Structures are given as C-alpha cells and as structure tokens.
Amino acid sequence: MNFRKISQLILFTIILFGLAACGSTSSDSASDESGDSKGTISIGQINWPENIAVTNLWKAILEDKGYNVELELLEMGPQMSALASGDLDVAPEIWLPVQDKSYYEKYKDEADFFEDPWYEHGKVGLAVPTYMEDINSIEDLNKNKDKFNGEIIGFESGAGTMMVAQDVIKEYGLDYKLVASSTAAMITSIKDAVEQKEPIVAPLWKPHYIFSEVDLKFLDDPKKTFGEVEKIYMATRAEFDSDHEKVSKWLKNFKLSDKQLGELMLDIKDNQDKPLKGAQKWVEENQDVVDKWMK
C-alpha cells in the first residue's frame, strides 16, 4: 500500500470518529443548533382539573421550546407502571405523604421521584354539602347511613385517594360502599345533589374548582387516615435526566402557588374544548414565572 492510500485511510478513519462523536450528544444538546424537533416527550395525564391544567401547561412550554409532547391519558396505576418500564417519560402528579404512598413504595427504585414538590398545600378528605349541618365528622356517617343510602360516591378506582378511602371505611368501621366511577361522573353527581339539596358524600381534594362552584366542607378526620397537608410531586422514568437534561432541570424548578394554580385551572376551564389554548394564555400572562423555571 503506497503512502497516498495510507493517508486517505487515516483521514477517512478520523472523519468516521468525528461523526460518531457528534452523534453521541444528548437529545437536548444535539438539536440546540438546528431547527429540528428536539425529540418527543410523553407525559401521563389523568382527567383531574389540576392534572389537565398542568399537563397542558408543560405541553405549551415544551412545544414552544421545540419538543413534541404527547399527553397519554392513563389512570394512576397504569401510569406508574409505564413510568417504571420506560414507556412514559413523566408522571406529573404524585400526592405524598399519604395518597400515593403505595405507588411510591412500589416504584421508588424504578423511577426518579423528585425531592421537592411543585405544589405544597394539597388537602384530601370526605366532603359533604355545607347544608348538612349535623354531619361534620367521618364519625357521624354511620348514624346517618340511610341519608346517603350507604354509599360514598367516588371516582377512578386506581387513584391513590380511592385506595385511602377504602382504608377510611375500614379504619372507622363504616357500613358504606365506595362507588367507583369517573371524576366527571362524580362531579356531576355532586352538582345534581347540591341543586336538589340532597345528601351526598364523596372523596375530594383541593385544589379543585368544584369548591368554587358549590358549597362543600371536608369532614373532620380525627384518626388522620387521609393525612393532613399533602404535597404534589413529579416523577420521571429512569435515565430521563440524562436523555433530556435541560427538561429535567426545568421540571425540577417548577413551582405553583395557590393563586397561580387557581388561575391556571380557570383558564383551562374557560377553554374546556381547547385546554392547550387556556394553558398558552396563562403562559403569556405569566411569562416572568415561566422564565424562572427555565433557568
């Protein structure tokens, strides 16, 4: 082999190594200097008002940054399973220390649960209309069983709060059946009952717009089975932080106050048919808040 051919071979080898090095950069950095999509990020979504709001908020933010965002409608159990298997990137709403404790304990070694919450003032419990003046504690329910037909009207059975509601029934010895349905069906049942001034009891949580639409009160929980203050966290699949370093950092910077979350939920509610439009409106009006997350 002559000197010219050897030189060409060496040059070809150097070029190959250079291309390989360029191709090994992360999804975030590889596309920073191009107009191409920075990749697809899948976010789990549940049909809860605050969840619809937050998932569409991040869809608006990330798509503006050049990512393709897929919102996957999954109940809590399948959502956490998909996160652990790597089939889902982000689970945006995990209530701790009580409501989703069972999911945290099951998957804490298979997913990245964020250390800091994005919302710090959650409350969960059994709620009744305020006109039910003689019922103020969970301990009042058994002696008023006939008023409620022995039913607690619930929502999706896989939700952590529904599991805790089952624990409440056992802990307090309630002679009640927890009726699973959907969040939308539960809210409709509450509104219909309040309109007719009929009794109803349901597991509810704050933040939720239903408290601004009808007068409800949480029942005292002397045994603290529902817990006290709940905080909401995010979790991502294993290796997400290395695949999308910037996005992982942004998500970990994410925080919402009561006022901010309330306004976001109202913007979404005002655009129920196009929730992304409501999220984009909130982003436009709160760009200074969003900018702090994106540092």
Protein backbone atom coordinates (compact mmCIF):
# COMPACT_ATOMS: atom_id res chain seq x y z
CA MET A 1 0.00 0.00 0.00
CA ASN A 2 1.53 3.30 -1.02
CA PHE A 3 1.80 6.43 1.15
CA ARG A 4 -1.14 8.19 -0.57
CA LYS A 5 -3.55 5.34 0.15
CA ILE A 6 -2.40 5.14 3.77
CA SER A 7 -3.01 8.89 4.19
CA GLN A 8 -6.51 8.58 2.70
CA LEU A 9 -7.34 5.70 5.05
CA ILE A 10 -6.18 7.65 8.09
CA LEU A 11 -8.23 10.70 7.03
CA PHE A 12 -11.33 8.53 6.46
CA THR A 13 -10.94 6.99 9.93
CA ILE A 14 -10.65 10.42 11.57
CA ILE A 15 -13.83 11.59 9.82
CA LEU A 16 -15.74 8.49 10.98
CA PHE A 17 -14.73 9.06 14.63
CA GLY A 18 -15.70 12.71 14.34
CA LEU A 19 -19.18 11.85 13.05
CA ALA A 20 -19.66 9.26 15.77
CA ALA A 21 -18.74 11.80 18.45
CA CYS A 22 -21.23 14.32 17.05
CA GLY A 23 -23.96 11.69 17.00
CA SER A 24 -23.45 10.77 20.65
CA THR A 25 -24.70 14.04 22.14
CA SER A 26 -27.94 14.11 24.18
CA SER A 27 -31.35 14.85 22.66
CA ASP A 28 -31.36 18.32 24.23
CA SER A 29 -27.93 19.46 23.03
CA ALA A 30 -27.91 17.70 19.67
CA SER A 31 -30.74 19.81 18.31
CA ASP A 32 -29.96 23.10 20.03
CA GLU A 33 -28.26 24.42 16.92
CA SER A 34 -30.83 23.18 14.42
CA GLY A 35 -34.47 23.91 13.73
CA ASP A 36 -35.41 20.25 14.02
CA SER A 37 -37.63 18.85 16.78
CA LYS A 38 -35.70 18.13 19.94
CA GLY A 39 -37.50 14.83 20.32
CA THR A 40 -40.74 13.55 21.78
CA ILE A 41 -41.62 13.68 25.48
CA SER A 42 -44.59 11.70 26.80
CA ILE A 43 -46.47 12.98 29.86
CA GLY A 44 -49.08 10.97 31.73
CA GLN A 45 -52.46 12.64 32.08
CA ILE A 46 -55.45 11.94 34.34
CA ASN A 47 -58.85 13.57 33.97
CA TRP A 48 -58.49 15.70 37.11
CA PRO A 49 -58.79 19.50 36.81
CA GLU A 50 -55.34 20.31 38.18
CA ASN A 51 -53.79 17.49 36.12
CA ILE A 52 -55.35 18.65 32.86
CA ALA A 53 -54.10 22.14 33.69
CA VAL A 54 -50.50 21.17 34.49
CA THR A 55 -50.06 18.70 31.63
CA ASN A 56 -51.29 21.23 29.08
CA LEU A 57 -49.11 23.89 30.70
CA TRP A 58 -46.00 21.79 30.09
CA LYS A 59 -47.14 20.85 26.61
CA ALA A 60 -47.38 24.57 25.80
CA ILE A 61 -43.98 25.35 27.32
CA LEU A 62 -42.07 22.43 25.81
CA GLU A 63 -43.57 22.68 22.34
CA ASP A 64 -42.60 26.34 22.31
CA LYS A 65 -39.04 25.14 23.01
CA GLY A 66 -39.09 22.77 20.04
CA TYR A 67 -40.15 19.48 21.62
CA ASN A 68 -43.00 17.25 20.51
CA VAL A 69 -45.19 16.49 23.53
CA GLU A 70 -47.61 13.58 23.74
CA LEU A 71 -50.17 13.56 26.55
CA GLU A 72 -51.01 9.94 27.44
CA LEU A 73 -54.40 9.52 29.15
CA LEU A 74 -53.64 6.89 31.80
CA GLU A 75 -55.08 6.18 35.22
CA MET A 76 -52.64 6.24 38.12
CA GLY A 77 -51.79 2.54 38.24
CA PRO A 78 -51.03 2.10 34.52
CA GLN A 79 -49.26 5.46 34.51
CA MET A 80 -46.81 4.45 37.24
CA SER A 81 -46.26 1.05 35.60
CA ALA A 82 -45.47 2.73 32.26
CA LEU A 83 -43.06 5.11 34.00
CA ALA A 84 -41.21 2.18 35.61
CA SER A 85 -40.98 0.27 32.34
CA GLY A 86 -39.68 3.32 30.47
CA ASP A 87 -42.76 3.62 28.24
CA LEU A 88 -43.69 7.01 29.76
CA ASP A 89 -41.36 9.93 30.41
CA VAL A 90 -43.16 12.00 33.04
CA ALA A 91 -45.78 11.37 35.74
CA PRO A 92 -46.72 14.91 36.80
CA GLU A 93 -48.95 14.37 39.84
CA ILE A 94 -47.97 12.21 42.79
CA TRP A 95 -49.56 13.09 46.13
CA LEU A 96 -47.46 12.41 49.23
CA PRO A 97 -47.05 11.50 52.01
CA VAL A 98 -50.37 9.60 52.12
CA GLN A 99 -52.46 9.43 48.94
CA ASP A 100 -49.94 7.85 46.55
CA LYS A 101 -47.70 6.25 49.16
CA SER A 102 -48.42 2.76 47.82
CA TYR A 103 -47.23 3.74 44.33
CA TYR A 104 -44.15 5.46 45.72
CA GLU A 105 -43.20 2.41 47.77
CA LYS A 106 -43.72 0.08 44.80
CA TYR A 107 -41.82 2.11 42.19
CA LYS A 108 -39.31 4.24 44.12
CA ASP A 109 -36.39 2.11 42.90
CA GLU A 110 -37.59 2.05 39.28
CA ALA A 111 -38.29 5.74 38.64
CA ASP A 112 -36.92 9.15 39.63
CA PHE A 113 -39.24 10.76 42.18
CA PHE A 114 -38.39 14.45 42.57
CA GLU A 115 -37.23 15.55 46.01
CA ASP A 116 -39.16 18.82 46.01
CA PRO A 117 -42.91 19.24 45.37
CA TRP A 118 -44.39 21.57 42.78
CA TYR A 119 -47.41 22.28 44.99
CA GLU A 120 -47.41 22.32 48.80
CA HIS A 121 -50.96 22.94 50.02
CA GLY A 122 -53.00 19.91 49.00
CA LYS A 123 -55.88 18.64 51.12
CA VAL A 124 -57.84 15.41 50.77
CA GLY A 125 -60.86 14.03 52.60
CA LEU A 126 -64.52 13.10 52.51
CA ALA A 127 -66.71 16.09 51.70
CA VAL A 128 -70.43 16.84 52.05
CA PRO A 129 -72.56 19.89 51.19
CA THR A 130 -72.43 22.65 53.82
CA TYR A 131 -76.21 22.48 54.29
CA MET A 132 -75.70 19.13 56.04
CA GLU A 133 -75.13 20.95 59.32
CA ASP A 134 -75.42 17.89 61.57
CA ILE A 135 -72.68 15.96 59.75
CA ASN A 136 -69.22 17.34 60.44
CA SER A 137 -67.03 14.31 61.04
CA ILE A 138 -66.40 10.94 59.43
CA GLU A 139 -67.60 9.52 62.75
CA ASP A 140 -71.06 10.97 62.01
CA LEU A 141 -71.55 8.88 58.88
CA ASN A 142 -72.71 5.54 60.30
CA LYS A 143 -75.60 7.03 62.25
CA ASN A 144 -76.68 8.82 59.05
CA LYS A 145 -76.21 5.86 56.71
CA ASP A 146 -79.79 5.93 55.43
CA LYS A 147 -79.44 9.54 54.27
CA PHE A 148 -76.60 8.52 51.95
CA ASN A 149 -78.04 5.11 51.01
CA GLY A 150 -74.85 3.66 52.47
CA GLU A 151 -72.77 4.96 49.53
CA ILE A 152 -69.69 7.12 49.17
CA ILE A 153 -69.63 8.38 45.59
CA GLY A 154 -66.09 8.07 44.24
CA PHE A 155 -64.10 8.33 41.03
CA GLU A 156 -61.45 6.20 39.25
CA SER A 157 -60.73 3.10 41.33
CA GLY A 158 -56.97 3.14 40.74
CA ALA A 159 -56.46 6.60 42.24
CA GLY A 160 -54.47 6.75 45.46
CA THR A 161 -57.24 8.71 47.17
CA MET A 162 -59.74 5.95 46.37
CA MET A 163 -57.41 3.42 47.99
CA VAL A 164 -57.11 5.62 51.07
CA ALA A 165 -60.92 5.99 51.11
CA GLN A 166 -61.14 2.21 51.38
CA ASP A 167 -58.75 2.41 54.33
CA VAL A 168 -61.01 5.06 55.89
CA ILE A 169 -64.01 2.75 55.61
CA LYS A 170 -62.10 0.01 57.45
CA GLU A 171 -60.46 2.34 59.99
CA TYR A 172 -63.77 3.92 61.03
CA GLY A 173 -65.85 0.76 60.62
CA LEU A 174 -68.14 2.48 58.13
CA ASP A 175 -71.05 0.42 56.85
CA TYR A 176 -70.70 2.04 53.43
CA LYS A 177 -69.85 1.01 49.88
CA LEU A 178 -67.32 3.08 47.94
CA VAL A 179 -68.79 3.51 44.45
CA ALA A 180 -66.15 3.87 41.71
CA SER A 181 -66.96 5.85 38.56
CA SER A 182 -65.12 8.64 36.79
CA THR A 183 -64.11 12.07 38.04
CA ALA A 184 -66.58 13.71 35.66
CA ALA A 185 -69.42 11.45 36.83
CA MET A 186 -68.62 12.13 40.48
CA ILE A 187 -68.60 15.89 39.95
CA THR A 188 -71.92 15.69 38.09
CA SER A 189 -73.42 13.67 40.96
CA ILE A 190 -72.25 16.28 43.48
CA LYS A 191 -73.68 19.18 41.46
CA ASP A 192 -77.00 17.39 40.94
CA ALA A 193 -77.29 16.57 44.64
CA VAL A 194 -76.50 20.14 45.72
CA GLU A 195 -79.00 21.54 43.23
CA GLN A 196 -81.69 19.34 44.80
CA LYS A 197 -80.32 19.86 48.34
CA GLU A 198 -79.92 16.12 48.72
CA PRO A 199 -77.29 14.31 50.82
CA ILE A 200 -74.06 13.16 49.19
CA VAL A 201 -70.60 12.29 50.44
CA ALA A 202 -67.55 11.97 48.19
CA PRO A 203 -63.76 11.82 48.42
CA LEU A 204 -62.45 15.18 47.21
CA TRP A 205 -59.27 17.17 47.13
CA LYS A 206 -58.05 20.72 46.97
CA PRO A 207 -57.07 22.26 44.61
CA HIS A 208 -60.33 21.60 42.71
CA TYR A 209 -62.66 24.10 41.07
CA ILE A 210 -65.75 22.29 42.45
CA PHE A 211 -65.22 24.15 45.75
CA SER A 212 -65.71 27.46 43.96
CA GLU A 213 -68.88 26.26 42.23
CA VAL A 214 -70.79 24.64 45.11
CA ASP A 215 -70.58 24.98 48.90
CA LEU A 216 -68.85 21.92 50.31
CA LYS A 217 -66.99 21.12 53.51
CA PHE A 218 -64.46 18.46 54.45
CA LEU A 219 -65.49 16.14 57.27
CA ASP A 220 -63.18 16.03 60.27
CA ASP A 221 -60.84 13.06 60.17
CA PRO A 222 -59.83 12.55 63.83
CA LYS A 223 -57.78 9.45 63.01
CA LYS A 224 -55.90 11.36 60.25
CA THR A 225 -56.31 8.44 57.84
CA PHE A 226 -56.38 10.85 54.88
CA GLY A 227 -53.34 12.60 56.33
CA GLU A 228 -53.06 16.32 56.80
CA VAL A 229 -51.22 18.55 54.31
CA GLU A 230 -50.45 16.72 51.06
CA LYS A 231 -47.77 17.82 48.59
CA ILE A 232 -47.71 17.12 44.87
CA TYR A 233 -44.56 15.83 43.20
CA MET A 234 -43.39 14.83 39.73
CA ALA A 235 -41.51 11.69 38.73
CA THR A 236 -39.68 10.74 35.55
CA ARG A 237 -38.51 7.45 34.09
CA ALA A 238 -35.01 6.25 34.84
CA GLU A 239 -32.39 7.92 32.61
CA PHE A 240 -34.75 10.75 31.62
CA ASP A 241 -32.44 13.28 33.25
CA SER A 242 -29.53 12.14 31.09
CA ASP A 243 -31.62 11.93 27.90
CA HIS A 244 -33.21 15.35 28.47
CA GLU A 245 -31.00 17.17 30.93
CA LYS A 246 -32.49 20.61 30.32
CA VAL A 247 -36.10 19.47 30.54
CA SER A 248 -35.39 17.55 33.73
CA LYS A 249 -33.93 20.70 35.28
CA TRP A 250 -36.91 22.80 34.17
CA LEU A 251 -39.36 20.32 35.66
CA LYS A 252 -37.47 20.30 38.94
CA ASN A 253 -37.62 24.12 39.07
CA PHE A 254 -41.42 24.05 38.60
CA LYS A 255 -43.49 25.51 41.47
CA LEU A 256 -47.05 26.85 41.66
CA SER A 257 -48.71 28.88 44.41
CA ASP A 258 -52.40 28.59 45.27
CA LYS A 259 -53.14 31.72 43.26
CA GLN A 260 -51.13 30.61 40.22
CA LEU A 261 -52.66 27.15 40.11
CA GLY A 262 -56.16 28.54 40.64
CA GLU A 263 -55.78 30.98 37.75
CA LEU A 264 -54.33 28.29 35.52
CA MET A 265 -57.23 25.94 36.27
CA LEU A 266 -59.73 28.70 35.50
CA ASP A 267 -58.03 29.47 32.17
CA ILE A 268 -58.24 25.77 31.29
CA LYS A 269 -61.88 25.57 32.40
CA ASP A 270 -62.71 28.59 30.23
CA ASN A 271 -61.26 26.68 27.27
CA GLN A 272 -62.51 23.17 28.03
CA ASP A 273 -62.65 22.17 24.37
CA LYS A 274 -59.12 23.51 23.76
CA PRO A 275 -57.22 23.22 27.06
CA LEU A 276 -53.90 23.92 25.34
CA LYS A 277 -55.24 27.35 24.38
CA GLY A 278 -56.04 28.05 28.03
CA ALA A 279 -52.53 26.98 29.04
CA GLN A 280 -50.96 29.19 26.37
CA LYS A 281 -52.99 32.14 27.66
CA TRP A 282 -51.69 31.56 31.19
CA VAL A 283 -48.09 31.31 29.92
CA GLU A 284 -48.43 34.61 28.04
CA GLU A 285 -49.74 36.34 31.17
CA ASN A 286 -47.14 34.75 33.48
CA GLN A 287 -44.03 34.68 31.33
CA ASP A 288 -41.91 36.01 34.21
CA VAL A 289 -42.92 32.99 36.32
CA VAL A 290 -42.17 30.56 33.49
CA ASP A 291 -38.79 32.19 32.86
CA LYS A 292 -37.72 31.39 36.43
CA TRP A 293 -38.39 27.68 35.82
CA MET A 294 -36.38 27.68 32.61
CA LYS A 295 -33.10 28.88 34.13
